[in-house]
mmCIF file of all heavy atoms, coordinates in Angstrom:
data_MODEL
# 
_entry.id   MODEL 
# 
loop_
_atom_site.group_PDB 
_atom_site.id 
_atom_site.type_symbol 
_atom_site.label_atom_id 
_atom_site.label_alt_id 
_atom_site.label_comp_id 
_atom_site.label_asym_id 
_atom_site.label_entity_id 
_atom_site.label_seq_id 
_atom_site.pdbx_PDB_ins_code 
_atom_site.Cartn_x 
_atom_site.Cartn_y 
_atom_site.Cartn_z 
_atom_site.occupancy 
_atom_site.B_iso_or_equiv 
_atom_site.pdbx_formal_charge 
_atom_site.auth_seq_id 
_atom_site.auth_comp_id 
_atom_site.auth_asym_id 
_atom_site.auth_atom_id 
_atom_site.pdbx_PDB_model_num 
ATOM 1   N N   . GLU A 1 1  ? 1.002   5.133   -18.433 1.00 0.00 ? 1  GLU A N   1 
ATOM 2   C CA  . GLU A 1 1  ? 0.625   5.653   -19.746 1.00 0.00 ? 1  GLU A CA  1 
ATOM 3   C C   . GLU A 1 1  ? 1.288   6.986   -20.037 1.00 0.00 ? 1  GLU A C   1 
ATOM 4   O O   . GLU A 1 1  ? 1.523   7.324   -21.213 1.00 0.00 ? 1  GLU A O   1 
ATOM 5   C CB  . GLU A 1 1  ? -0.895  5.785   -19.828 1.00 0.00 ? 1  GLU A CB  1 
ATOM 6   C CG  . GLU A 1 1  ? -1.616  4.439   -19.796 1.00 0.00 ? 1  GLU A CG  1 
ATOM 7   C CD  . GLU A 1 1  ? -3.116  4.577   -19.616 1.00 0.00 ? 1  GLU A CD  1 
ATOM 8   O OE1 . GLU A 1 1  ? -3.614  5.722   -19.483 1.00 0.00 ? 1  GLU A OE1 1 
ATOM 9   O OE2 . GLU A 1 1  ? -3.811  3.531   -19.564 1.00 0.00 ? 1  GLU A OE2 1 
ATOM 10  N N   . ASN A 1 2  ? 1.631   7.752   -19.001 1.00 0.00 ? 2  ASN A N   1 
ATOM 11  C CA  . ASN A 1 2  ? 2.235   9.075   -19.190 1.00 0.00 ? 2  ASN A CA  1 
ATOM 12  C C   . ASN A 1 2  ? 3.756   9.064   -19.076 1.00 0.00 ? 2  ASN A C   1 
ATOM 13  O O   . ASN A 1 2  ? 4.391   10.123  -19.078 1.00 0.00 ? 2  ASN A O   1 
ATOM 14  C CB  . ASN A 1 2  ? 1.647   10.063  -18.181 1.00 0.00 ? 2  ASN A CB  1 
ATOM 15  C CG  . ASN A 1 2  ? 0.271   10.549  -18.591 1.00 0.00 ? 2  ASN A CG  1 
ATOM 16  O OD1 . ASN A 1 2  ? 0.099   11.132  -19.654 1.00 0.00 ? 2  ASN A OD1 1 
ATOM 17  N ND2 . ASN A 1 2  ? -0.729  10.306  -17.755 1.00 0.00 ? 2  ASN A ND2 1 
ATOM 18  N N   . GLY A 1 3  ? 4.335   7.881   -18.972 1.00 0.00 ? 3  GLY A N   1 
ATOM 19  C CA  . GLY A 1 3  ? 5.790   7.775   -18.974 1.00 0.00 ? 3  GLY A CA  1 
ATOM 20  C C   . GLY A 1 3  ? 6.469   8.254   -17.708 1.00 0.00 ? 3  GLY A C   1 
ATOM 21  O O   . GLY A 1 3  ? 7.626   8.695   -17.732 1.00 0.00 ? 3  GLY A O   1 
ATOM 22  N N   . THR A 1 4  ? 5.761   8.166   -16.561 1.00 0.00 ? 4  THR A N   1 
ATOM 23  C CA  . THR A 1 4  ? 6.351   8.556   -15.277 1.00 0.00 ? 4  THR A CA  1 
ATOM 24  C C   . THR A 1 4  ? 7.544   7.660   -14.952 1.00 0.00 ? 4  THR A C   1 
ATOM 25  O O   . THR A 1 4  ? 7.523   6.457   -15.213 1.00 0.00 ? 4  THR A O   1 
ATOM 26  C CB  . THR A 1 4  ? 5.287   8.444   -14.164 1.00 0.00 ? 4  THR A CB  1 
ATOM 27  O OG1 . THR A 1 4  ? 4.212   9.340   -14.459 1.00 0.00 ? 4  THR A OG1 1 
ATOM 28  C CG2 . THR A 1 4  ? 5.876   8.783   -12.805 1.00 0.00 ? 4  THR A CG2 1 
ATOM 29  N N   . LYS A 1 5  ? 8.582   8.262   -14.395 1.00 0.00 ? 5  LYS A N   1 
ATOM 30  C CA  . LYS A 1 5  ? 9.795   7.521   -14.049 1.00 0.00 ? 5  LYS A CA  1 
ATOM 31  C C   . LYS A 1 5  ? 9.566   6.587   -12.858 1.00 0.00 ? 5  LYS A C   1 
ATOM 32  O O   . LYS A 1 5  ? 10.043  5.447   -12.827 1.00 0.00 ? 5  LYS A O   1 
ATOM 33  C CB  . LYS A 1 5  ? 10.921  8.512   -13.722 1.00 0.00 ? 5  LYS A CB  1 
ATOM 34  C CG  . LYS A 1 5  ? 12.255  7.870   -13.370 1.00 0.00 ? 5  LYS A CG  1 
ATOM 35  C CD  . LYS A 1 5  ? 13.252  8.913   -12.882 1.00 0.00 ? 5  LYS A CD  1 
ATOM 36  C CE  . LYS A 1 5  ? 13.515  9.980   -13.929 1.00 0.00 ? 5  LYS A CE  1 
ATOM 37  N NZ  . LYS A 1 5  ? 14.555  10.957  -13.481 1.00 0.00 ? 5  LYS A NZ  1 
ATOM 38  N N   . LYS A 1 6  ? 8.815   7.071   -11.846 1.00 0.00 ? 6  LYS A N   1 
ATOM 39  C CA  . LYS A 1 6  ? 8.682   6.309   -10.605 1.00 0.00 ? 6  LYS A CA  1 
ATOM 40  C C   . LYS A 1 6  ? 7.342   6.620   -9.954  1.00 0.00 ? 6  LYS A C   1 
ATOM 41  O O   . LYS A 1 6  ? 6.902   7.771   -9.936  1.00 0.00 ? 6  LYS A O   1 
ATOM 42  C CB  . LYS A 1 6  ? 9.830   6.685   -9.655  1.00 0.00 ? 6  LYS A CB  1 
ATOM 43  C CG  . LYS A 1 6  ? 9.852   5.990   -8.303  1.00 0.00 ? 6  LYS A CG  1 
ATOM 44  C CD  . LYS A 1 6  ? 10.318  4.552   -8.454  1.00 0.00 ? 6  LYS A CD  1 
ATOM 45  C CE  . LYS A 1 6  ? 10.549  3.902   -7.095  1.00 0.00 ? 6  LYS A CE  1 
ATOM 46  N NZ  . LYS A 1 6  ? 11.633  4.539   -6.348  1.00 0.00 ? 6  LYS A NZ  1 
ATOM 47  N N   . TYR A 1 7  ? 6.706   5.591   -9.392  1.00 0.00 ? 7  TYR A N   1 
ATOM 48  C CA  . TYR A 1 7  ? 5.452   5.746   -8.654  1.00 0.00 ? 7  TYR A CA  1 
ATOM 49  C C   . TYR A 1 7  ? 5.684   5.268   -7.225  1.00 0.00 ? 7  TYR A C   1 
ATOM 50  O O   . TYR A 1 7  ? 6.222   4.176   -7.010  1.00 0.00 ? 7  TYR A O   1 
ATOM 51  C CB  . TYR A 1 7  ? 4.345   4.920   -9.308  1.00 0.00 ? 7  TYR A CB  1 
ATOM 52  C CG  . TYR A 1 7  ? 2.969   5.053   -8.665  1.00 0.00 ? 7  TYR A CG  1 
ATOM 53  C CD1 . TYR A 1 7  ? 2.045   5.959   -9.165  1.00 0.00 ? 7  TYR A CD1 1 
ATOM 54  C CD2 . TYR A 1 7  ? 2.599   4.263   -7.583  1.00 0.00 ? 7  TYR A CD2 1 
ATOM 55  C CE1 . TYR A 1 7  ? 0.774   6.085   -8.605  1.00 0.00 ? 7  TYR A CE1 1 
ATOM 56  C CE2 . TYR A 1 7  ? 1.335   4.382   -7.002  1.00 0.00 ? 7  TYR A CE2 1 
ATOM 57  C CZ  . TYR A 1 7  ? 0.429   5.283   -7.517  1.00 0.00 ? 7  TYR A CZ  1 
ATOM 58  O OH  . TYR A 1 7  ? -0.829  5.400   -6.952  1.00 0.00 ? 7  TYR A OH  1 
ATOM 59  N N   . PHE A 1 8  ? 5.265   6.092   -6.279  1.00 0.00 ? 8  PHE A N   1 
ATOM 60  C CA  . PHE A 1 8  ? 5.382   5.747   -4.860  1.00 0.00 ? 8  PHE A CA  1 
ATOM 61  C C   . PHE A 1 8  ? 4.015   5.798   -4.212  1.00 0.00 ? 8  PHE A C   1 
ATOM 62  O O   . PHE A 1 8  ? 3.198   6.682   -4.523  1.00 0.00 ? 8  PHE A O   1 
ATOM 63  C CB  . PHE A 1 8  ? 6.311   6.733   -4.141  1.00 0.00 ? 8  PHE A CB  1 
ATOM 64  C CG  . PHE A 1 8  ? 6.230   6.642   -2.639  1.00 0.00 ? 8  PHE A CG  1 
ATOM 65  C CD1 . PHE A 1 8  ? 6.999   5.714   -1.952  1.00 0.00 ? 8  PHE A CD1 1 
ATOM 66  C CD2 . PHE A 1 8  ? 5.356   7.444   -1.922  1.00 0.00 ? 8  PHE A CD2 1 
ATOM 67  C CE1 . PHE A 1 8  ? 6.900   5.599   -0.563  1.00 0.00 ? 8  PHE A CE1 1 
ATOM 68  C CE2 . PHE A 1 8  ? 5.245   7.338   -0.539  1.00 0.00 ? 8  PHE A CE2 1 
ATOM 69  C CZ  . PHE A 1 8  ? 6.015   6.406   0.140   1.00 0.00 ? 8  PHE A CZ  1 
ATOM 70  N N   . CYS A 1 9  ? 3.742   4.853   -3.320  1.00 0.00 ? 9  CYS A N   1 
ATOM 71  C CA  . CYS A 1 9  ? 2.507   4.929   -2.535  1.00 0.00 ? 9  CYS A CA  1 
ATOM 72  C C   . CYS A 1 9  ? 2.758   4.425   -1.115  1.00 0.00 ? 9  CYS A C   1 
ATOM 73  O O   . CYS A 1 9  ? 3.706   3.682   -0.858  1.00 0.00 ? 9  CYS A O   1 
ATOM 74  C CB  . CYS A 1 9  ? 1.371   4.149   -3.186  1.00 0.00 ? 9  CYS A CB  1 
ATOM 75  S SG  . CYS A 1 9  ? 1.697   2.406   -3.478  1.00 0.00 ? 9  CYS A SG  1 
ATOM 76  N N   . VAL A 1 10 ? 1.898   4.856   -0.220  1.00 0.00 ? 10 VAL A N   1 
ATOM 77  C CA  . VAL A 1 10 ? 2.035   4.518   1.194   1.00 0.00 ? 10 VAL A CA  1 
ATOM 78  C C   . VAL A 1 10 ? 1.237   3.261   1.508   1.00 0.00 ? 10 VAL A C   1 
ATOM 79  O O   . VAL A 1 10 ? 0.053   3.167   1.191   1.00 0.00 ? 10 VAL A O   1 
ATOM 80  C CB  . VAL A 1 10 ? 1.550   5.680   2.085   1.00 0.00 ? 10 VAL A CB  1 
ATOM 81  C CG1 . VAL A 1 10 ? 1.446   5.230   3.530   1.00 0.00 ? 10 VAL A CG1 1 
ATOM 82  C CG2 . VAL A 1 10 ? 2.505   6.851   1.990   1.00 0.00 ? 10 VAL A CG2 1 
ATOM 83  N N   . SER A 1 11 ? 1.909   2.324   2.131   1.00 0.00 ? 11 SER A N   1 
ATOM 84  C CA  . SER A 1 11 ? 1.223   1.171   2.708   1.00 0.00 ? 11 SER A CA  1 
ATOM 85  C C   . SER A 1 11 ? 1.090   1.458   4.209   1.00 0.00 ? 11 SER A C   1 
ATOM 86  O O   . SER A 1 11 ? 0.897   2.601   4.616   1.00 0.00 ? 11 SER A O   1 
ATOM 87  C CB  . SER A 1 11 ? 1.992   -0.119  2.431   1.00 0.00 ? 11 SER A CB  1 
ATOM 88  O OG  . SER A 1 11 ? 1.267   -1.234  2.911   1.00 0.00 ? 11 SER A OG  1 
ATOM 89  N N   . THR A 1 12 ? 1.211   0.446   5.045   1.00 0.00 ? 12 THR A N   1 
ATOM 90  C CA  . THR A 1 12 ? 1.076   0.637   6.490   1.00 0.00 ? 12 THR A CA  1 
ATOM 91  C C   . THR A 1 12 ? 1.719   -0.540  7.212   1.00 0.00 ? 12 THR A C   1 
ATOM 92  O O   . THR A 1 12 ? 1.809   -1.650  6.652   1.00 0.00 ? 12 THR A O   1 
ATOM 93  C CB  . THR A 1 12 ? -0.406  0.739   6.901   1.00 0.00 ? 12 THR A CB  1 
ATOM 94  O OG1 . THR A 1 12 ? -0.519  0.755   8.329   1.00 0.00 ? 12 THR A OG1 1 
ATOM 95  C CG2 . THR A 1 12 ? -1.215  -0.441  6.378   1.00 0.00 ? 12 THR A CG2 1 
ATOM 96  N N   . ASP A 1 13 ? 2.161   -0.296  8.444   1.00 0.00 ? 13 ASP A N   1 
ATOM 97  C CA  . ASP A 1 13 ? 2.646   -1.405  9.258   1.00 0.00 ? 13 ASP A CA  1 
ATOM 98  C C   . ASP A 1 13 ? 1.547   -2.437  9.458   1.00 0.00 ? 13 ASP A C   1 
ATOM 99  O O   . ASP A 1 13 ? 1.815   -3.626  9.658   1.00 0.00 ? 13 ASP A O   1 
ATOM 100 C CB  . ASP A 1 13 ? 3.142   -0.890  10.615  1.00 0.00 ? 13 ASP A CB  1 
ATOM 101 C CG  . ASP A 1 13 ? 2.063   -0.149  11.383  1.00 0.00 ? 13 ASP A CG  1 
ATOM 102 O OD1 . ASP A 1 13 ? 1.627   0.922   10.907  1.00 0.00 ? 13 ASP A OD1 1 
ATOM 103 O OD2 . ASP A 1 13 ? 1.635   -0.625  12.446  1.00 0.00 ? 13 ASP A OD2 1 
ATOM 104 N N   . LYS A 1 14 ? 0.290   -2.003  9.386   1.00 0.00 ? 14 LYS A N   1 
ATOM 105 C CA  . LYS A 1 14 ? -0.843  -2.899  9.598   1.00 0.00 ? 14 LYS A CA  1 
ATOM 106 C C   . LYS A 1 14 ? -1.034  -3.881  8.451   1.00 0.00 ? 14 LYS A C   1 
ATOM 107 O O   . LYS A 1 14 ? -1.855  -4.800  8.543   1.00 0.00 ? 14 LYS A O   1 
ATOM 108 C CB  . LYS A 1 14 ? -2.113  -2.081  9.834   1.00 0.00 ? 14 LYS A CB  1 
ATOM 109 C CG  . LYS A 1 14 ? -2.061  -1.220  11.092  1.00 0.00 ? 14 LYS A CG  1 
ATOM 110 C CD  . LYS A 1 14 ? -3.299  -0.341  11.237  1.00 0.00 ? 14 LYS A CD  1 
ATOM 111 C CE  . LYS A 1 14 ? -3.244  0.487   12.521  1.00 0.00 ? 14 LYS A CE  1 
ATOM 112 N NZ  . LYS A 1 14 ? -2.155  1.484   12.511  1.00 0.00 ? 14 LYS A NZ  1 
ATOM 113 N N   . ALA A 1 15 ? -0.273  -3.706  7.341   1.00 0.00 ? 15 ALA A N   1 
ATOM 114 C CA  . ALA A 1 15 ? -0.339  -4.646  6.221   1.00 0.00 ? 15 ALA A CA  1 
ATOM 115 C C   . ALA A 1 15 ? 0.485   -5.902  6.490   1.00 0.00 ? 15 ALA A C   1 
ATOM 116 O O   . ALA A 1 15 ? 0.329   -6.913  5.795   1.00 0.00 ? 15 ALA A O   1 
ATOM 117 C CB  . ALA A 1 15 ? 0.141   -3.976  4.939   1.00 0.00 ? 15 ALA A CB  1 
ATOM 118 N N   . ALA A 1 16 ? 1.379   -5.838  7.478   1.00 0.00 ? 16 ALA A N   1 
ATOM 119 C CA  . ALA A 1 16 ? 2.174   -7.008  7.855   1.00 0.00 ? 16 ALA A CA  1 
ATOM 120 C C   . ALA A 1 16 ? 1.343   -7.873  8.805   1.00 0.00 ? 16 ALA A C   1 
ATOM 121 O O   . ALA A 1 16 ? 1.036   -7.460  9.914   1.00 0.00 ? 16 ALA A O   1 
ATOM 122 C CB  . ALA A 1 16 ? 3.474   -6.568  8.529   1.00 0.00 ? 16 ALA A CB  1 
ATOM 123 N N   . ASN A 1 17 ? 0.963   -9.064  8.335   1.00 0.00 ? 17 ASN A N   1 
ATOM 124 C CA  . ASN A 1 17 ? 0.081   -9.946  9.108   1.00 0.00 ? 17 ASN A CA  1 
ATOM 125 C C   . ASN A 1 17 ? -1.157  -9.178  9.601   1.00 0.00 ? 17 ASN A C   1 
ATOM 126 O O   . ASN A 1 17 ? -1.370  -9.014  10.807  1.00 0.00 ? 17 ASN A O   1 
ATOM 127 C CB  . ASN A 1 17 ? 0.836   -10.552 10.306  1.00 0.00 ? 17 ASN A CB  1 
ATOM 128 C CG  . ASN A 1 17 ? 1.977   -11.456 9.883   1.00 0.00 ? 17 ASN A CG  1 
ATOM 129 O OD1 . ASN A 1 17 ? 1.833   -12.255 8.957   1.00 0.00 ? 17 ASN A OD1 1 
ATOM 130 N ND2 . ASN A 1 17 ? 3.116   -11.329 10.548  1.00 0.00 ? 17 ASN A ND2 1 
ATOM 131 N N   . PRO A 1 18 ? -1.995  -8.688  8.691   1.00 0.00 ? 18 PRO A N   1 
ATOM 132 C CA  . PRO A 1 18 ? -3.109  -7.812  9.076   1.00 0.00 ? 18 PRO A CA  1 
ATOM 133 C C   . PRO A 1 18 ? -4.147  -8.501  9.955   1.00 0.00 ? 18 PRO A C   1 
ATOM 134 O O   . PRO A 1 18 ? -4.420  -9.690  9.805   1.00 0.00 ? 18 PRO A O   1 
ATOM 135 C CB  . PRO A 1 18 ? -3.720  -7.418  7.727   1.00 0.00 ? 18 PRO A CB  1 
ATOM 136 C CG  . PRO A 1 18 ? -3.338  -8.523  6.797   1.00 0.00 ? 18 PRO A CG  1 
ATOM 137 C CD  . PRO A 1 18 ? -1.978  -8.961  7.244   1.00 0.00 ? 18 PRO A CD  1 
ATOM 138 N N   . VAL A 1 19 ? -4.721  -7.696  10.866  1.00 0.00 ? 19 VAL A N   1 
ATOM 139 C CA  . VAL A 1 19 ? -5.814  -8.190  11.718  1.00 0.00 ? 19 VAL A CA  1 
ATOM 140 C C   . VAL A 1 19 ? -7.064  -7.333  11.538  1.00 0.00 ? 19 VAL A C   1 
ATOM 141 O O   . VAL A 1 19 ? -8.106  -7.614  12.126  1.00 0.00 ? 19 VAL A O   1 
ATOM 142 C CB  . VAL A 1 19 ? -5.423  -8.213  13.218  1.00 0.00 ? 19 VAL A CB  1 
ATOM 143 C CG1 . VAL A 1 19 ? -4.203  -9.078  13.440  1.00 0.00 ? 19 VAL A CG1 1 
ATOM 144 C CG2 . VAL A 1 19 ? -5.211  -6.808  13.759  1.00 0.00 ? 19 VAL A CG2 1 
ATOM 145 N N   . ASN A 1 20 ? -6.967  -6.261  10.747  1.00 0.00 ? 20 ASN A N   1 
ATOM 146 C CA  . ASN A 1 20 ? -8.124  -5.403  10.502  1.00 0.00 ? 20 ASN A CA  1 
ATOM 147 C C   . ASN A 1 20 ? -8.263  -5.151  9.004   1.00 0.00 ? 20 ASN A C   1 
ATOM 148 O O   . ASN A 1 20 ? -7.347  -5.396  8.211   1.00 0.00 ? 20 ASN A O   1 
ATOM 149 C CB  . ASN A 1 20 ? -8.019  -4.085  11.278  1.00 0.00 ? 20 ASN A CB  1 
ATOM 150 C CG  . ASN A 1 20 ? -6.713  -3.354  11.019  1.00 0.00 ? 20 ASN A CG  1 
ATOM 151 O OD1 . ASN A 1 20 ? -6.409  -2.998  9.887   1.00 0.00 ? 20 ASN A OD1 1 
ATOM 152 N ND2 . ASN A 1 20 ? -5.928  -3.140  12.075  1.00 0.00 ? 20 ASN A ND2 1 
ATOM 153 N N   . MET A 1 21 ? -9.439  -4.656  8.629   1.00 0.00 ? 21 MET A N   1 
ATOM 154 C CA  . MET A 1 21 ? -9.752  -4.480  7.215   1.00 0.00 ? 21 MET A CA  1 
ATOM 155 C C   . MET A 1 21 ? -8.901  -3.377  6.583   1.00 0.00 ? 21 MET A C   1 
ATOM 156 O O   . MET A 1 21 ? -8.557  -3.446  5.400   1.00 0.00 ? 21 MET A O   1 
ATOM 157 C CB  . MET A 1 21 ? -11.243 -4.170  7.051   1.00 0.00 ? 21 MET A CB  1 
ATOM 158 C CG  . MET A 1 21 ? -12.165 -5.265  7.574   1.00 0.00 ? 21 MET A CG  1 
ATOM 159 S SD  . MET A 1 21 ? -12.023 -6.816  6.673   1.00 0.00 ? 21 MET A SD  1 
ATOM 160 C CE  . MET A 1 21 ? -13.009 -6.452  5.225   1.00 0.00 ? 21 MET A CE  1 
ATOM 161 N N   . MET A 1 22 ? -8.560  -2.358  7.345   1.00 0.00 ? 22 MET A N   1 
ATOM 162 C CA  . MET A 1 22 ? -7.712  -1.309  6.801   1.00 0.00 ? 22 MET A CA  1 
ATOM 163 C C   . MET A 1 22 ? -6.351  -1.874  6.420   1.00 0.00 ? 22 MET A C   1 
ATOM 164 O O   . MET A 1 22 ? -5.857  -1.668  5.303   1.00 0.00 ? 22 MET A O   1 
ATOM 165 C CB  . MET A 1 22 ? -7.547  -0.157  7.806   1.00 0.00 ? 22 MET A CB  1 
ATOM 166 C CG  . MET A 1 22 ? -6.942  1.111   7.194   1.00 0.00 ? 22 MET A CG  1 
ATOM 167 S SD  . MET A 1 22 ? -5.161  1.047   6.893   1.00 0.00 ? 22 MET A SD  1 
ATOM 168 C CE  . MET A 1 22 ? -4.558  1.241   8.570   1.00 0.00 ? 22 MET A CE  1 
ATOM 169 N N   . GLY A 1 23 ? -5.719  -2.596  7.353   1.00 0.00 ? 23 GLY A N   1 
ATOM 170 C CA  . GLY A 1 23 ? -4.430  -3.204  7.061   1.00 0.00 ? 23 GLY A CA  1 
ATOM 171 C C   . GLY A 1 23 ? -4.505  -4.189  5.908   1.00 0.00 ? 23 GLY A C   1 
ATOM 172 O O   . GLY A 1 23 ? -3.619  -4.242  5.046   1.00 0.00 ? 23 GLY A O   1 
ATOM 173 N N   . ALA A 1 24 ? -5.589  -4.967  5.872   1.00 0.00 ? 24 ALA A N   1 
ATOM 174 C CA  . ALA A 1 24 ? -5.762  -5.937  4.792   1.00 0.00 ? 24 ALA A CA  1 
ATOM 175 C C   . ALA A 1 24 ? -5.955  -5.243  3.452   1.00 0.00 ? 24 ALA A C   1 
ATOM 176 O O   . ALA A 1 24 ? -5.452  -5.703  2.418   1.00 0.00 ? 24 ALA A O   1 
ATOM 177 C CB  . ALA A 1 24 ? -6.949  -6.848  5.099   1.00 0.00 ? 24 ALA A CB  1 
ATOM 178 N N   . SER A 1 25 ? -6.669  -4.104  3.444   1.00 0.00 ? 25 SER A N   1 
ATOM 179 C CA  . SER A 1 25 ? -6.860  -3.372  2.187   1.00 0.00 ? 25 SER A CA  1 
ATOM 180 C C   . SER A 1 25 ? -5.518  -2.882  1.644   1.00 0.00 ? 25 SER A C   1 
ATOM 181 O O   . SER A 1 25 ? -5.286  -2.891  0.429   1.00 0.00 ? 25 SER A O   1 
ATOM 182 C CB  . SER A 1 25 ? -7.824  -2.194  2.386   1.00 0.00 ? 25 SER A CB  1 
ATOM 183 O OG  . SER A 1 25 ? -7.222  -1.115  3.082   1.00 0.00 ? 25 SER A OG  1 
ATOM 184 N N   . LYS A 1 26 ? -4.632  -2.474  2.532   1.00 0.00 ? 26 LYS A N   1 
ATOM 185 C CA  . LYS A 1 26 ? -3.308  -2.028  2.102   1.00 0.00 ? 26 LYS A CA  1 
ATOM 186 C C   . LYS A 1 26 ? -2.442  -3.206  1.642   1.00 0.00 ? 26 LYS A C   1 
ATOM 187 O O   . LYS A 1 26 ? -1.617  -3.071  0.729   1.00 0.00 ? 26 LYS A O   1 
ATOM 188 C CB  . LYS A 1 26 ? -2.618  -1.263  3.233   1.00 0.00 ? 26 LYS A CB  1 
ATOM 189 C CG  . LYS A 1 26 ? -3.161  0.141   3.454   1.00 0.00 ? 26 LYS A CG  1 
ATOM 190 C CD  . LYS A 1 26 ? -2.824  1.061   2.294   1.00 0.00 ? 26 LYS A CD  1 
ATOM 191 C CE  . LYS A 1 26 ? -3.091  2.521   2.627   1.00 0.00 ? 26 LYS A CE  1 
ATOM 192 N NZ  . LYS A 1 26 ? -2.666  3.425   1.537   1.00 0.00 ? 26 LYS A NZ  1 
# 
């Protein structure tokens, strides 16, 4: 809405084939 050029956020290695809720949330 504010016309930002780029948005970045951190995921996690635990998001690849997750086995825990933290990784799954990411």
